[in-house]
Amino acid sequence: MAFKDLVHGLRQTERHLLMQLEGVRGAIAALEMGSAVSPALPGPRPAAVKAVRKRRRLSAKARAAISKAQKLRWAKQRAEKKS
């Protein structure tokens, strides 16, 4: 009787492991195929097709305005620290 119980327990464990294996295989397939939430990454693109990132440049006038505003903020912070 003990031998039959052992075989029964092993078969239950085998079924459990097969279910886990099926879940792992499904997860791998989902990662390989991608989904709406996280699409699969395409392979590397050729160098000629790569998108060129355009950088915006600030005019001298805009840089001066930002600099002036930042200096005013710093002066305000220094004045608050002294008080």
N, C-alpha and C. Protein backbone atom coordinates (compact mmCIF):
# COMPACT_ATOMS: atom_id res chain seq x y z
N MET A 1 0.82 -1.18 0.00
CA MET A 1 0.00 0.00 0.00
C MET A 1 0.88 1.27 0.00
N ALA A 2 1.99 1.24 0.70
CA ALA A 2 2.88 2.39 0.78
C ALA A 2 3.45 2.72 -0.60
N PHE A 3 3.72 1.70 -1.40
CA PHE A 3 4.26 1.93 -2.73
C PHE A 3 3.24 2.66 -3.60
N LYS A 4 1.96 2.27 -3.51
CA LYS A 4 0.90 2.93 -4.28
C LYS A 4 0.75 4.39 -3.84
N ASP A 5 0.85 4.65 -2.56
CA ASP A 5 0.76 6.03 -2.06
C ASP A 5 1.93 6.86 -2.59
N LEU A 6 3.09 6.26 -2.64
CA LEU A 6 4.27 6.95 -3.15
C LEU A 6 4.08 7.31 -4.62
N VAL A 7 3.61 6.34 -5.42
CA VAL A 7 3.39 6.58 -6.85
C VAL A 7 2.31 7.64 -7.04
N HIS A 8 1.25 7.58 -6.24
CA HIS A 8 0.18 8.56 -6.33
C HIS A 8 0.71 9.97 -6.01
N GLY A 9 1.49 10.08 -4.97
CA GLY A 9 2.08 11.37 -4.60
C GLY A 9 2.99 11.91 -5.68
N LEU A 10 3.78 11.01 -6.29
CA LEU A 10 4.67 11.44 -7.37
C LEU A 10 3.88 11.92 -8.58
N ARG A 11 2.76 11.25 -8.89
CA ARG A 11 1.94 11.67 -10.03
C ARG A 11 1.30 13.02 -9.76
N GLN A 12 0.87 13.25 -8.52
CA GLN A 12 0.32 14.56 -8.18
C GLN A 12 1.37 15.65 -8.33
N THR A 13 2.55 15.38 -7.87
CA THR A 13 3.64 16.34 -7.99
C THR A 13 3.97 16.60 -9.46
N GLU A 14 3.95 15.53 -10.26
CA GLU A 14 4.21 15.68 -11.69
C GLU A 14 3.17 16.58 -12.33
N ARG A 15 1.88 16.38 -12.02
CA ARG A 15 0.83 17.23 -12.57
C ARG A 15 1.02 18.68 -12.16
N HIS A 16 1.38 18.88 -10.90
CA HIS A 16 1.61 20.24 -10.40
C HIS A 16 2.78 20.90 -11.15
N LEU A 17 3.85 20.16 -11.33
CA LEU A 17 5.01 20.70 -12.03
C LEU A 17 4.70 20.97 -13.50
N LEU A 18 3.90 20.12 -14.12
CA LEU A 18 3.51 20.34 -15.51
C LEU A 18 2.68 21.61 -15.65
N MET A 19 1.81 21.87 -14.67
CA MET A 19 1.03 23.10 -14.70
C MET A 19 1.93 24.32 -14.55
N GLN A 20 2.92 24.23 -13.68
CA GLN A 20 3.87 25.33 -13.51
C GLN A 20 4.67 25.54 -14.79
N LEU A 21 5.09 24.45 -15.41
CA LEU A 21 5.86 24.54 -16.65
C LEU A 21 5.03 25.20 -17.75
N GLU A 22 3.76 24.86 -17.82
CA GLU A 22 2.88 25.47 -18.81
C GLU A 22 2.77 26.97 -18.58
N GLY A 23 2.67 27.37 -17.32
CA GLY A 23 2.62 28.80 -17.00
C GLY A 23 3.90 29.52 -17.38
N VAL A 24 5.04 28.90 -17.12
CA VAL A 24 6.33 29.51 -17.47
C VAL A 24 6.45 29.64 -18.98
N ARG A 25 6.06 28.59 -19.70
CA ARG A 25 6.12 28.66 -21.17
C ARG A 25 5.20 29.74 -21.70
N GLY A 26 4.02 29.90 -21.10
CA GLY A 26 3.11 30.96 -21.53
C GLY A 26 3.70 32.34 -21.28
N ALA A 27 4.37 32.51 -20.14
CA ALA A 27 5.00 33.80 -19.83
C ALA A 27 6.12 34.11 -20.81
N ILE A 28 6.90 33.09 -21.15
CA ILE A 28 7.99 33.29 -22.10
C ILE A 28 7.43 33.66 -23.47
N ALA A 29 6.38 32.98 -23.89
CA ALA A 29 5.77 33.28 -25.18
C ALA A 29 5.21 34.70 -25.20
N ALA A 30 4.60 35.12 -24.10
CA ALA A 30 4.06 36.47 -24.03
C ALA A 30 5.18 37.51 -24.12
N LEU A 31 6.30 37.23 -23.48
CA LEU A 31 7.42 38.17 -23.54
C LEU A 31 8.03 38.22 -24.94
N GLU A 32 8.09 37.09 -25.60
CA GLU A 32 8.67 37.06 -26.94
C GLU A 32 7.76 37.75 -27.95
N MET A 33 6.46 37.56 -27.82
CA MET A 33 5.52 38.12 -28.78
C MET A 33 5.16 39.56 -28.44
N GLY A 34 5.26 39.93 -27.20
CA GLY A 34 4.88 41.27 -26.78
C GLY A 34 3.39 41.32 -26.54
N SER A 35 2.95 42.45 -26.01
CA SER A 35 1.53 42.65 -25.76
C SER A 35 1.22 44.12 -25.93
N ALA A 36 -0.03 44.49 -25.72
CA ALA A 36 -0.42 45.88 -25.86
C ALA A 36 0.28 46.74 -24.81
N VAL A 37 0.54 46.17 -23.65
CA VAL A 37 1.17 46.92 -22.57
C VAL A 37 2.67 47.06 -22.80
N SER A 38 3.32 45.96 -23.16
CA SER A 38 4.75 46.03 -23.41
C SER A 38 5.08 45.26 -24.68
N PRO A 39 5.08 45.94 -25.80
CA PRO A 39 5.36 45.25 -27.05
C PRO A 39 6.78 44.71 -27.09
N ALA A 40 6.95 43.67 -27.84
CA ALA A 40 8.30 43.09 -27.97
C ALA A 40 9.20 44.11 -28.66
N LEU A 41 10.41 44.14 -28.22
CA LEU A 41 11.34 45.09 -28.81
C LEU A 41 11.80 44.58 -30.17
N PRO A 42 11.78 45.43 -31.17
CA PRO A 42 12.26 45.00 -32.48
C PRO A 42 13.77 44.84 -32.45
N GLY A 43 14.29 44.16 -33.43
CA GLY A 43 15.74 43.98 -33.52
C GLY A 43 16.42 45.30 -33.82
N PRO A 44 17.72 45.32 -33.79
CA PRO A 44 18.42 46.58 -34.04
C PRO A 44 18.15 47.10 -35.45
N ARG A 45 17.95 48.40 -35.54
CA ARG A 45 17.69 49.01 -36.84
C ARG A 45 19.02 49.32 -37.51
N PRO A 46 19.03 49.34 -38.82
CA PRO A 46 20.26 49.73 -39.52
C PRO A 46 20.63 51.17 -39.18
N ALA A 47 21.89 51.49 -39.25
CA ALA A 47 22.37 52.81 -38.86
C ALA A 47 21.74 53.91 -39.72
N ALA A 48 21.46 53.64 -40.99
CA ALA A 48 20.92 54.65 -41.89
C ALA A 48 19.48 54.99 -41.54
N VAL A 49 18.77 54.10 -40.86
CA VAL A 49 17.36 54.30 -40.60
C VAL A 49 17.12 54.92 -39.22
N LYS A 50 18.15 54.97 -38.39
CA LYS A 50 17.98 55.49 -37.03
C LYS A 50 17.45 56.92 -37.07
N ALA A 51 16.52 57.21 -36.17
CA ALA A 51 15.94 58.54 -36.09
C ALA A 51 16.97 59.50 -35.50
N VAL A 52 17.03 60.68 -36.04
CA VAL A 52 17.94 61.69 -35.55
C VAL A 52 17.18 62.56 -34.57
N ARG A 53 17.71 62.69 -33.39
CA ARG A 53 17.05 63.51 -32.37
C ARG A 53 17.39 64.97 -32.60
N LYS A 54 16.36 65.77 -32.82
CA LYS A 54 16.59 67.20 -33.02
C LYS A 54 16.66 67.88 -31.67
N ARG A 55 17.66 68.71 -31.49
CA ARG A 55 17.82 69.43 -30.23
C ARG A 55 17.38 70.87 -30.43
N ARG A 56 16.57 71.33 -29.51
CA ARG A 56 16.15 72.71 -29.57
C ARG A 56 17.20 73.58 -28.90
N ARG A 57 17.44 74.72 -29.48
CA ARG A 57 18.43 75.64 -28.93
C ARG A 57 17.71 76.88 -28.42
N LEU A 58 18.14 77.34 -27.25
CA LEU A 58 17.58 78.57 -26.72
C LEU A 58 18.28 79.77 -27.34
N SER A 59 17.50 80.78 -27.58
CA SER A 59 18.11 82.01 -28.09
C SER A 59 18.84 82.69 -26.93
N ALA A 60 19.70 83.62 -27.26
CA ALA A 60 20.45 84.34 -26.23
C ALA A 60 19.49 85.11 -25.32
N LYS A 61 18.44 85.64 -25.90
CA LYS A 61 17.46 86.40 -25.13
C LYS A 61 16.74 85.48 -24.13
N ALA A 62 16.38 84.27 -24.56
CA ALA A 62 15.71 83.33 -23.67
C ALA A 62 16.64 82.87 -22.56
N ARG A 63 17.90 82.61 -22.88
CA ARG A 63 18.87 82.21 -21.86
C ARG A 63 19.05 83.32 -20.82
N ALA A 64 19.09 84.56 -21.28
CA ALA A 64 19.25 85.69 -20.37
C ALA A 64 18.04 85.81 -19.45
N ALA A 65 16.84 85.59 -19.98
CA ALA A 65 15.64 85.68 -19.17
C ALA A 65 15.62 84.59 -18.11
N ILE A 66 16.02 83.38 -18.48
CA ILE A 66 16.07 82.28 -17.52
C ILE A 66 17.12 82.55 -16.45
N SER A 67 18.25 83.07 -16.86
CA SER A 67 19.32 83.38 -15.92
C SER A 67 18.87 84.44 -14.91
N LYS A 68 18.20 85.46 -15.41
CA LYS A 68 17.73 86.52 -14.53
C LYS A 68 16.71 85.98 -13.52
N ALA A 69 15.79 85.16 -13.99
CA ALA A 69 14.76 84.59 -13.11
C ALA A 69 15.40 83.70 -12.04
N GLN A 70 16.39 82.91 -12.42
CA GLN A 70 17.04 82.02 -11.46
C GLN A 70 17.81 82.82 -10.42
N LYS A 71 18.48 83.88 -10.86
CA LYS A 71 19.22 84.71 -9.91
C LYS A 71 18.28 85.37 -8.91
N LEU A 72 17.09 85.76 -9.38
CA LEU A 72 16.09 86.33 -8.46
C LEU A 72 15.63 85.28 -7.45
N ARG A 73 15.42 84.04 -7.90
CA ARG A 73 15.02 82.97 -6.98
C ARG A 73 16.09 82.74 -5.93
N TRP A 74 17.35 82.70 -6.36
CA TRP A 74 18.44 82.48 -5.40
C TRP A 74 18.53 83.62 -4.39
N ALA A 75 18.36 84.85 -4.87
CA ALA A 75 18.42 86.00 -3.96
C ALA A 75 17.28 85.91 -2.95
N LYS A 76 16.10 85.49 -3.39
CA LYS A 76 14.97 85.35 -2.48
C LYS A 76 15.25 84.28 -1.43
N GLN A 77 15.84 83.18 -1.85
CA GLN A 77 16.16 82.10 -0.90
C GLN A 77 17.20 82.55 0.11
N ARG A 78 18.22 83.29 -0.34
CA ARG A 78 19.23 83.80 0.59
C ARG A 78 18.62 84.77 1.59
N ALA A 79 17.69 85.61 1.13
CA ALA A 79 17.04 86.57 2.02
C ALA A 79 16.18 85.84 3.05
N GLU A 80 15.51 84.76 2.65
CA GLU A 80 14.69 83.99 3.58
C GLU A 80 15.54 83.28 4.63
N LYS A 81 16.74 82.82 4.24
CA LYS A 81 17.63 82.16 5.18
C LYS A 81 18.14 83.11 6.25
N LYS A 82 18.40 84.37 5.84
CA LYS A 82 18.93 85.35 6.79
C LYS A 82 17.86 85.79 7.79
N SER A 83 16.60 85.72 7.40
CA SER A 83 15.52 86.19 8.30
C SER A 83 15.21 85.21 9.39
